[in-house]
Amino acid sequence: MTDLGKSIPPAEIDRVFEKFYRRGKPEGRSSGPGLGLSTARGFIDAMGGRFHAESPAVKKCGTRIVVRMPALENARAGKTAP
C-alpha cells in the first residue's frame, strides 16, 4: 500500500511500528490510538512474514508499506509447500 501524504523522516521510519506512536494529527481526520501498524506487524511476524515501511515512496513524498509472506514468495519462485 502506498499513500501520497507527507513522508516519514528516516529517523522515525521504524518508530511508526511502535505501540501508541503517532506522528501527529492528519489534516481533517481524527487520529487513532497508534496501534494499527504495531498490531499488523505482530500478525505478519507471527506468520513468518516481513513488514516494513519505505519513505519517501513516490516522487519524494508518501509512504509505502511492504508486506512479504512466505507462501506468496514461494509461489512466485515456483516452490510448493512441503
N, C-alpha and C. Protein backbone atom coordinates (compact mmCIF):
# COMPACT_ATOMS: atom_id res chain seq x y z
N MET A 1 0.84 -1.15 0.00
CA MET A 1 0.00 0.00 0.00
C MET A 1 0.90 1.23 0.00
N THR A 2 0.54 2.23 -0.80
CA THR A 2 1.31 3.47 -0.88
C THR A 2 0.36 4.65 -0.73
N ASP A 3 0.75 5.63 0.09
CA ASP A 3 -0.03 6.86 0.15
C ASP A 3 0.83 7.98 -0.43
N LEU A 4 0.22 9.11 -0.67
CA LEU A 4 0.93 10.24 -1.24
C LEU A 4 0.97 11.43 -0.28
N GLY A 5 0.83 11.15 1.02
CA GLY A 5 0.88 12.20 2.03
C GLY A 5 2.31 12.60 2.34
N LYS A 6 2.50 13.19 3.50
CA LYS A 6 3.84 13.58 3.92
C LYS A 6 4.69 12.34 4.13
N SER A 7 5.95 12.45 3.78
CA SER A 7 6.88 11.35 4.01
C SER A 7 7.22 11.25 5.49
N ILE A 8 7.71 10.10 5.88
CA ILE A 8 8.17 9.90 7.25
C ILE A 8 9.67 10.14 7.26
N PRO A 9 10.16 11.01 8.13
CA PRO A 9 11.61 11.24 8.19
C PRO A 9 12.35 9.93 8.49
N PRO A 10 13.54 9.74 7.90
CA PRO A 10 14.29 8.49 8.11
C PRO A 10 14.48 8.12 9.58
N ALA A 11 14.67 9.10 10.43
CA ALA A 11 14.88 8.83 11.86
C ALA A 11 13.64 8.25 12.54
N GLU A 12 12.46 8.42 11.92
CA GLU A 12 11.21 7.96 12.52
C GLU A 12 10.63 6.72 11.84
N ILE A 13 11.23 6.25 10.77
CA ILE A 13 10.63 5.18 9.96
C ILE A 13 10.36 3.92 10.77
N ASP A 14 11.24 3.53 11.67
CA ASP A 14 11.00 2.33 12.47
C ASP A 14 10.06 2.60 13.64
N ARG A 15 9.97 3.86 14.06
CA ARG A 15 9.11 4.20 15.20
C ARG A 15 7.63 4.05 14.88
N VAL A 16 7.24 4.15 13.61
CA VAL A 16 5.81 4.06 13.27
C VAL A 16 5.23 2.70 13.62
N PHE A 17 6.08 1.71 13.86
CA PHE A 17 5.63 0.37 14.23
C PHE A 17 5.56 0.16 15.75
N GLU A 18 5.93 1.18 16.52
CA GLU A 18 5.85 1.08 17.98
C GLU A 18 4.41 1.30 18.43
N LYS A 19 4.03 0.60 19.49
CA LYS A 19 2.68 0.79 20.05
C LYS A 19 2.50 2.23 20.51
N PHE A 20 1.36 2.79 20.19
CA PHE A 20 0.93 4.12 20.60
C PHE A 20 1.70 5.27 19.96
N TYR A 21 2.58 4.98 19.01
CA TYR A 21 3.32 6.06 18.35
C TYR A 21 2.44 6.69 17.27
N ARG A 22 2.38 8.01 17.27
CA ARG A 22 1.65 8.76 16.24
C ARG A 22 2.50 9.94 15.82
N ARG A 23 2.46 10.24 14.55
CA ARG A 23 3.25 11.36 14.03
C ARG A 23 2.47 12.66 14.03
N GLY A 24 1.39 12.76 14.71
CA GLY A 24 0.59 13.98 14.72
C GLY A 24 -0.76 13.72 14.06
N LYS A 25 -1.63 14.66 14.19
CA LYS A 25 -2.98 14.52 13.66
C LYS A 25 -3.02 14.90 12.18
N PRO A 26 -3.43 13.98 11.31
CA PRO A 26 -3.56 14.31 9.89
C PRO A 26 -4.63 15.39 9.69
N GLU A 27 -4.43 16.24 8.71
CA GLU A 27 -5.38 17.31 8.44
C GLU A 27 -6.75 16.73 8.11
N GLY A 28 -7.78 17.20 8.81
CA GLY A 28 -9.15 16.81 8.51
C GLY A 28 -9.56 15.43 8.98
N ARG A 29 -8.68 14.71 9.66
CA ARG A 29 -9.04 13.37 10.14
C ARG A 29 -8.74 13.25 11.62
N SER A 30 -9.51 12.42 12.29
CA SER A 30 -9.21 12.17 13.69
C SER A 30 -8.05 11.19 13.77
N SER A 31 -7.23 11.35 14.77
CA SER A 31 -6.10 10.45 14.93
C SER A 31 -6.51 9.24 15.76
N GLY A 32 -5.94 8.12 15.45
CA GLY A 32 -6.24 6.89 16.18
C GLY A 32 -5.31 6.72 17.36
N PRO A 33 -5.39 5.57 18.02
CA PRO A 33 -4.58 5.35 19.21
C PRO A 33 -3.13 4.98 18.91
N GLY A 34 -2.78 4.76 17.64
CA GLY A 34 -1.40 4.41 17.31
C GLY A 34 -1.11 2.93 17.47
N LEU A 35 -2.10 2.10 17.21
CA LEU A 35 -1.91 0.65 17.36
C LEU A 35 -1.97 -0.12 16.04
N GLY A 36 -2.43 0.50 14.97
CA GLY A 36 -2.66 -0.21 13.72
C GLY A 36 -1.43 -0.89 13.14
N LEU A 37 -0.36 -0.14 12.91
CA LEU A 37 0.85 -0.73 12.31
C LEU A 37 1.54 -1.69 13.26
N SER A 38 1.49 -1.40 14.55
CA SER A 38 2.08 -2.30 15.54
C SER A 38 1.35 -3.65 15.54
N THR A 39 0.04 -3.60 15.52
CA THR A 39 -0.78 -4.82 15.51
C THR A 39 -0.56 -5.60 14.22
N ALA A 40 -0.56 -4.90 13.10
CA ALA A 40 -0.35 -5.56 11.80
C ALA A 40 1.01 -6.23 11.75
N ARG A 41 2.04 -5.54 12.23
CA ARG A 41 3.38 -6.13 12.22
C ARG A 41 3.42 -7.39 13.09
N GLY A 42 2.72 -7.36 14.22
CA GLY A 42 2.68 -8.55 15.09
C GLY A 42 2.08 -9.75 14.37
N PHE A 43 0.99 -9.54 13.65
CA PHE A 43 0.37 -10.64 12.89
C PHE A 43 1.30 -11.14 11.79
N ILE A 44 1.87 -10.23 11.04
CA ILE A 44 2.75 -10.61 9.93
C ILE A 44 3.97 -11.35 10.46
N ASP A 45 4.60 -10.85 11.53
CA ASP A 45 5.75 -11.53 12.13
C ASP A 45 5.38 -12.93 12.61
N ALA A 46 4.20 -13.06 13.25
CA ALA A 46 3.77 -14.36 13.77
C ALA A 46 3.59 -15.39 12.66
N MET A 47 3.30 -14.93 11.46
CA MET A 47 3.11 -15.84 10.33
C MET A 47 4.39 -16.02 9.51
N GLY A 48 5.50 -15.51 10.03
CA GLY A 48 6.78 -15.68 9.35
C GLY A 48 7.02 -14.70 8.22
N GLY A 49 6.23 -13.65 8.16
CA GLY A 49 6.39 -12.67 7.10
C GLY A 49 7.28 -11.52 7.50
N ARG A 50 7.42 -10.59 6.57
CA ARG A 50 8.19 -9.37 6.81
C ARG A 50 7.30 -8.19 6.50
N PHE A 51 7.48 -7.11 7.26
CA PHE A 51 6.61 -5.95 7.17
C PHE A 51 7.47 -4.72 7.43
N HIS A 52 7.60 -3.81 6.46
CA HIS A 52 8.39 -2.62 6.68
C HIS A 52 7.82 -1.43 5.90
N ALA A 53 8.34 -0.26 6.20
CA ALA A 53 7.90 0.97 5.53
C ALA A 53 9.05 1.53 4.70
N GLU A 54 8.68 2.14 3.58
CA GLU A 54 9.63 2.85 2.73
C GLU A 54 9.11 4.27 2.57
N SER A 55 9.95 5.25 2.84
CA SER A 55 9.51 6.64 2.74
C SER A 55 10.71 7.52 2.47
N PRO A 56 10.64 8.40 1.50
CA PRO A 56 9.52 8.68 0.61
C PRO A 56 9.32 7.56 -0.39
N ALA A 57 8.09 7.43 -0.87
CA ALA A 57 7.74 6.32 -1.74
C ALA A 57 7.69 6.71 -3.22
N VAL A 58 7.03 7.81 -3.53
CA VAL A 58 6.82 8.21 -4.91
C VAL A 58 7.15 9.70 -5.06
N LYS A 59 8.05 10.01 -5.96
CA LYS A 59 8.39 11.41 -6.26
C LYS A 59 8.63 12.24 -5.00
N LYS A 60 9.43 11.70 -4.09
CA LYS A 60 9.84 12.38 -2.86
C LYS A 60 8.69 12.67 -1.89
N CYS A 61 7.60 11.91 -1.96
CA CYS A 61 6.52 12.08 -0.98
C CYS A 61 5.86 10.73 -0.73
N GLY A 62 5.03 10.68 0.29
CA GLY A 62 4.28 9.47 0.60
C GLY A 62 5.08 8.39 1.30
N THR A 63 4.36 7.37 1.69
CA THR A 63 4.96 6.23 2.38
C THR A 63 4.38 4.95 1.80
N ARG A 64 5.21 3.95 1.65
CA ARG A 64 4.78 2.64 1.15
C ARG A 64 4.99 1.62 2.27
N ILE A 65 3.94 0.83 2.54
CA ILE A 65 4.03 -0.27 3.49
C ILE A 65 4.18 -1.55 2.67
N VAL A 66 5.23 -2.30 2.93
CA VAL A 66 5.54 -3.51 2.16
C VAL A 66 5.35 -4.73 3.05
N VAL A 67 4.56 -5.69 2.56
CA VAL A 67 4.31 -6.94 3.28
C VAL A 67 4.81 -8.09 2.41
N ARG A 68 5.62 -8.93 2.97
CA ARG A 68 6.12 -10.13 2.28
C ARG A 68 5.74 -11.34 3.12
N MET A 69 5.05 -12.29 2.48
CA MET A 69 4.63 -13.50 3.17
C MET A 69 5.31 -14.71 2.54
N PRO A 70 5.75 -15.69 3.34
CA PRO A 70 6.47 -16.84 2.81
C PRO A 70 5.68 -17.59 1.73
N ALA A 71 4.39 -17.80 1.92
CA ALA A 71 3.61 -18.55 0.93
C ALA A 71 3.59 -17.82 -0.41
N LEU A 72 3.46 -16.51 -0.38
CA LEU A 72 3.46 -15.74 -1.62
C LEU A 72 4.84 -15.75 -2.27
N GLU A 73 5.87 -15.62 -1.48
CA GLU A 73 7.23 -15.64 -2.00
C GLU A 73 7.53 -17.00 -2.64
N ASN A 74 7.11 -18.09 -1.98
CA ASN A 74 7.33 -19.43 -2.53
C ASN A 74 6.56 -19.63 -3.83
N ALA A 75 5.33 -19.14 -3.88
CA ALA A 75 4.51 -19.28 -5.09
C ALA A 75 5.17 -18.52 -6.26
N ARG A 76 5.69 -17.35 -5.99
CA ARG A 76 6.35 -16.57 -7.04
C ARG A 76 7.62 -17.25 -7.53
N ALA A 77 8.28 -17.99 -6.64
CA ALA A 77 9.50 -18.71 -7.02
C ALA A 77 9.21 -20.08 -7.60
N GLY A 78 7.93 -20.48 -7.65
CA GLY A 78 7.57 -21.77 -8.20
C GLY A 78 7.76 -22.93 -7.26
N LYS A 79 7.90 -22.65 -5.96
CA LYS A 79 8.07 -23.70 -4.95
C LYS A 79 6.71 -24.14 -4.46
N THR A 80 6.61 -25.39 -4.02
CA THR A 80 5.38 -25.90 -3.43
C THR A 80 5.57 -26.11 -1.95
N ALA A 81 4.48 -26.10 -1.21
CA ALA A 81 4.55 -26.33 0.24
C ALA A 81 4.95 -27.76 0.52
N PRO A 82 5.67 -28.00 1.63
CA PRO A 82 6.10 -29.38 1.97
C PRO A 82 4.93 -30.25 2.36
